[in-house]
Protein backbone atom coordinates (compact mmCIF):
# COMPACT_ATOMS: atom_id res chain seq x y z
CA UNK A 1 113.12 90.63 98.80
CA UNK A 2 112.41 87.00 99.48
CA UNK A 3 109.41 85.56 101.27
CA UNK A 4 109.90 85.18 104.99
CA UNK A 5 107.85 83.90 107.88
CA UNK A 6 106.95 85.66 111.11
CA UNK A 7 109.77 85.60 113.63
CA UNK A 8 109.21 85.33 117.39
CA UNK A 9 108.40 88.77 118.80
CA UNK A 10 107.84 90.28 122.21
CA UNK A 11 104.70 91.89 120.78
CA UNK A 12 103.20 88.75 119.23
CA UNK A 13 99.50 88.01 119.39
CA UNK A 14 98.03 84.83 120.80
CA UNK A 15 97.77 83.56 117.20
CA UNK A 16 101.53 83.95 116.70
CA UNK A 17 101.37 87.03 114.47
CA UNK A 18 102.58 90.55 115.10
CA UNK A 19 100.74 93.41 116.76
CA UNK A 20 100.02 95.72 113.81
CA UNK A 21 98.90 99.28 113.27
CA UNK A 22 95.10 99.52 113.14
CA UNK A 23 92.29 102.06 112.92
CA UNK A 24 92.85 103.04 116.55
CA UNK A 25 96.41 104.04 115.64
CA UNK A 26 95.13 106.58 113.14
CA UNK A 27 92.32 107.63 115.49
CA UNK A 28 94.81 108.43 118.25
CA UNK A 29 97.04 110.42 115.87
CA UNK A 30 94.02 112.41 114.64
CA UNK A 31 92.97 113.17 118.21
CA UNK A 32 96.53 114.14 119.09
CA UNK A 33 96.59 116.60 116.18
CA UNK A 34 93.48 118.25 117.64
CA UNK A 35 94.78 118.18 121.22
CA UNK A 36 98.52 118.63 120.84
CA UNK A 37 99.38 119.54 124.41
CA UNK A 38 101.08 117.77 127.30
CA UNK A 39 98.06 117.53 129.60
CA UNK A 40 96.01 115.71 126.96
CA UNK A 41 98.87 113.38 126.06
CA UNK A 42 99.53 112.47 129.70
CA UNK A 43 95.83 111.74 130.24
CA UNK A 44 95.84 109.48 127.16
CA UNK A 45 99.25 107.85 127.69
CA UNK A 46 97.80 104.35 128.12
CA UNK A 47 95.93 104.72 124.85
CA UNK A 48 99.13 105.89 123.14
CA UNK A 49 101.06 102.88 124.44
CA UNK A 50 98.41 100.43 123.25
CA UNK A 51 97.59 101.90 119.86
CA UNK A 52 100.87 103.53 118.76
CA UNK A 53 103.93 102.64 120.83
CA UNK A 54 103.47 98.86 121.11
CA UNK A 55 102.52 98.38 117.42
CA UNK A 56 105.50 100.57 116.42
CA UNK A 57 107.92 98.32 118.30
CA UNK A 58 106.32 95.20 116.83
CA UNK A 59 106.30 96.55 113.27
CA UNK A 60 109.94 97.64 113.59
CA UNK A 61 110.93 94.14 114.77
CA UNK A 62 108.95 92.57 111.93
CA UNK A 63 110.48 94.73 109.21
CA UNK A 64 114.00 94.33 110.58
CA UNK A 65 113.45 90.57 110.50
CA UNK A 66 112.21 90.69 106.90
CA UNK A 67 115.15 92.84 105.78
CA UNK A 68 117.61 90.52 107.53
CA UNK A 69 116.12 87.54 105.70
CA UNK A 70 116.17 89.36 102.36
CA UNK A 71 119.74 90.65 102.59
CA UNK A 72 121.40 87.96 104.71
CA UNK A 73 122.52 90.34 107.44
CA UNK A 74 120.95 91.82 110.58
CA UNK A 75 119.28 95.23 110.46
CA UNK A 76 118.76 97.64 113.33
CA UNK A 77 115.70 99.83 113.59
CA UNK A 78 115.11 103.33 114.87
CA UNK A 79 111.66 104.57 115.89
CA UNK A 80 111.61 108.36 115.92
CA UNK A 81 110.37 109.97 119.11
CA UNK A 82 106.79 111.15 119.51
CA UNK A 83 108.21 114.24 121.24
CA UNK A 84 109.15 117.01 118.84
CA UNK A 85 112.49 118.82 119.04
CA UNK A 86 111.42 122.38 119.79
CA UNK A 87 114.88 123.94 120.12
CA UNK A 88 114.87 125.55 116.67
CA UNK A 89 111.16 125.42 115.86
CA UNK A 90 108.61 128.21 115.73
CA UNK A 91 105.88 125.58 116.15
CA UNK A 92 105.33 125.08 119.91
CA UNK A 93 103.25 121.87 119.64
CA UNK A 94 105.12 119.23 121.65
CA UNK A 95 104.22 116.00 119.80
CA UNK A 96 104.58 114.52 116.35
CA UNK A 97 101.31 113.31 114.85
CA UNK A 98 102.90 110.54 112.79
CA UNK A 99 105.02 107.42 113.21
CA UNK A 100 108.39 107.39 111.44
CA UNK A 101 111.05 104.68 111.54
CA UNK A 102 114.23 103.74 109.72
CA UNK A 103 116.35 100.63 109.21
CA UNK A 104 120.06 100.23 108.42
CA UNK A 105 122.40 97.24 108.35
CA UNK A 106 123.47 96.48 111.91
CA UNK A 107 127.08 97.40 112.61
CA UNK A 108 127.34 99.66 109.56
CA UNK A 109 128.29 102.94 111.21
CA UNK A 110 128.74 104.64 107.83
CA UNK A 111 125.71 103.18 106.05
CA UNK A 112 124.70 105.48 103.18
CA UNK A 113 121.20 104.16 102.52
CA UNK A 114 118.42 103.53 105.02
CA UNK A 115 114.97 102.03 104.64
CA UNK A 116 112.22 104.41 105.77
CA UNK A 117 108.59 104.06 106.82
CA UNK A 118 106.03 106.69 107.74
CA UNK A 119 102.41 106.44 108.86
CA UNK A 120 99.99 109.25 109.64
CA UNK A 121 96.26 109.91 109.22
CA UNK A 122 97.04 111.29 105.74
CA UNK A 123 99.73 108.96 104.36
CA UNK A 124 101.55 105.64 104.44
CA UNK A 125 105.00 106.11 102.92
CA UNK A 126 107.90 103.76 102.22
CA UNK A 127 111.30 105.13 101.32
CA UNK A 128 114.91 104.28 100.70
CA UNK A 129 117.99 106.47 100.63
CA UNK A 130 119.57 109.29 102.61
CA UNK A 131 117.80 112.50 103.55
CA UNK A 132 121.23 114.14 103.84
CA UNK A 133 124.49 112.39 102.98
CA UNK A 134 127.13 112.45 105.72
CA UNK A 135 130.14 114.46 104.57
CA UNK A 136 132.33 111.44 103.62
CA UNK A 137 129.40 109.80 101.80
CA UNK A 138 128.56 113.03 99.96
CA UNK A 139 132.09 113.24 98.64
CA UNK A 140 132.03 109.62 97.50
CA UNK A 141 128.60 110.07 95.92
CA UNK A 142 129.73 113.09 93.91
CA UNK A 143 132.94 111.42 92.78
CA UNK A 144 130.95 108.37 91.73
CA UNK A 145 128.23 110.13 89.74
CA UNK A 146 130.78 112.51 88.17
CA UNK A 147 132.66 109.52 86.78
CA UNK A 148 131.74 106.56 84.58
CA UNK A 149 129.16 105.35 87.14
CA UNK A 150 127.07 108.48 86.54
CA UNK A 151 125.42 106.98 83.49
CA UNK A 152 124.43 103.86 85.45
CA UNK A 153 123.04 105.99 88.29
CA UNK A 154 120.93 107.96 85.82
CA UNK A 155 119.62 104.78 84.18
CA UNK A 156 118.59 103.22 87.50
CA UNK A 157 116.85 106.41 88.63
CA UNK A 158 115.03 106.63 85.30
CA UNK A 159 113.70 103.09 85.76
CA UNK A 160 112.56 103.95 89.28
CA UNK A 161 110.65 106.98 87.98
CA UNK A 162 109.01 104.84 85.31
CA UNK A 163 107.94 102.47 88.11
CA UNK A 164 106.21 105.36 89.87
CA UNK A 165 108.88 106.00 92.51
CA UNK A 166 108.99 109.64 93.66
CA UNK A 167 112.59 110.82 93.86
CA UNK A 168 113.74 113.72 96.02
CA UNK A 169 114.65 116.90 94.17
CA UNK A 170 118.21 118.33 94.11
CA UNK A 171 118.86 120.68 97.02
CA UNK A 172 121.42 122.86 95.23
CA UNK A 173 120.60 125.33 92.47
CA UNK A 174 124.11 125.17 91.02
CA UNK A 175 126.55 122.37 90.32
CA UNK A 176 129.18 122.42 93.09
CA UNK A 177 132.85 123.07 92.34
CA UNK A 178 134.98 121.78 90.79
CA UNK A 179 132.54 120.39 88.22
CA UNK A 180 131.29 122.51 85.32
CA UNK A 181 127.65 123.58 85.20
CA UNK A 182 127.13 121.61 81.97
CA UNK A 183 128.48 118.34 83.42
CA UNK A 184 126.52 115.32 82.10
CA UNK A 185 125.61 114.43 85.70
CA UNK A 186 124.77 118.00 86.71
CA UNK A 187 121.39 117.02 88.15
CA UNK A 188 122.87 114.31 90.35
CA UNK A 189 125.75 116.51 91.48
CA UNK A 190 123.24 119.05 92.82
CA UNK A 191 121.94 116.51 95.33
CA UNK A 192 122.95 116.65 99.00
CA UNK A 193 120.81 113.59 99.70
CA UNK A 194 118.75 111.18 97.63
CA UNK A 195 115.59 109.32 98.60
CA UNK A 196 113.05 107.32 96.64
CA UNK A 197 109.48 107.29 97.97
CA UNK A 198 106.37 105.19 97.48
CA UNK A 199 103.25 107.08 98.52
CA UNK A 200 100.17 105.13 99.58
CA UNK A 201 96.96 105.58 101.55
CA UNK A 202 97.05 105.32 105.37
CA UNK A 203 94.85 102.21 105.24
CA UNK A 204 97.63 100.39 103.35
CA UNK A 205 99.72 100.59 106.53
CA UNK A 206 97.15 98.88 108.74
CA UNK A 207 96.56 95.25 109.63
CA UNK A 208 98.24 92.08 108.36
CA UNK A 209 98.29 93.32 104.75
CA UNK A 210 100.80 95.97 105.73
CA UNK A 211 103.58 93.39 105.90
CA UNK A 212 103.16 92.32 102.29
CA UNK A 213 102.75 95.94 101.19
CA UNK A 214 106.04 96.79 102.87
CA UNK A 215 107.85 93.81 101.37
CA UNK A 216 106.56 94.65 97.90
CA UNK A 217 107.38 98.34 98.26
CA UNK A 218 110.90 97.71 99.51
CA UNK A 219 111.45 95.26 96.65
CA UNK A 220 110.59 98.06 94.21
CA UNK A 221 113.04 100.36 95.99
CA UNK A 222 115.83 97.77 96.26
CA UNK A 223 117.73 99.01 93.14
CA UNK A 224 118.23 102.34 94.90
CA UNK A 225 119.40 100.65 98.11
CA UNK A 226 121.94 98.59 96.17
CA UNK A 227 123.03 101.62 94.15
CA UNK A 228 123.70 103.79 97.21
CA UNK A 229 125.19 100.93 99.21
CA UNK A 230 127.88 100.69 96.55
CA UNK A 231 128.94 104.32 96.93
């Protein structure tokens, strides 16, 4: 990723920079974990807006701008809701105690790879890939890794591991039909999604240094983005 400057932002500071995550962001998320109920959240809504919501919007705009500059195309961001989906959950707590967001090329309805960011009181994580491939993408991925490109996939993933990137484990125990269980790309064929992760301390996601940390982390993950974008 190339070096880029700060773009105009609705959440800019008086000095022209972005509103960033800070210690109060983590403090609010810790307090929310201890008081995960609607009455507490409603009473602390203004604090949530100031310390979590507004910085999330600003950080998403900033990262989308950096990705657009690096790849020469616009990116759209998604900030995942603070409200948990309780429809199929045995956990009744109503709120997430983290901030998660993703970024994909704007206009790419069938984008395979997304950029990912997560912040909580216990982690700051950067990722790239697909948690679960959409059905058409899964078919293309399997056909690709089962063919001559499989060796290139394996080589790129090996380099990422050497660089300290944590790769998601295969979801399937067996190689799916019609490929034999001893296929050279058996490990890749057992994937239903593929994500590379960089795990860091929560403090790495705070303040102005977070922007450079994100740029550097995404640069390390860029081989995976390019690999999956070619599927």
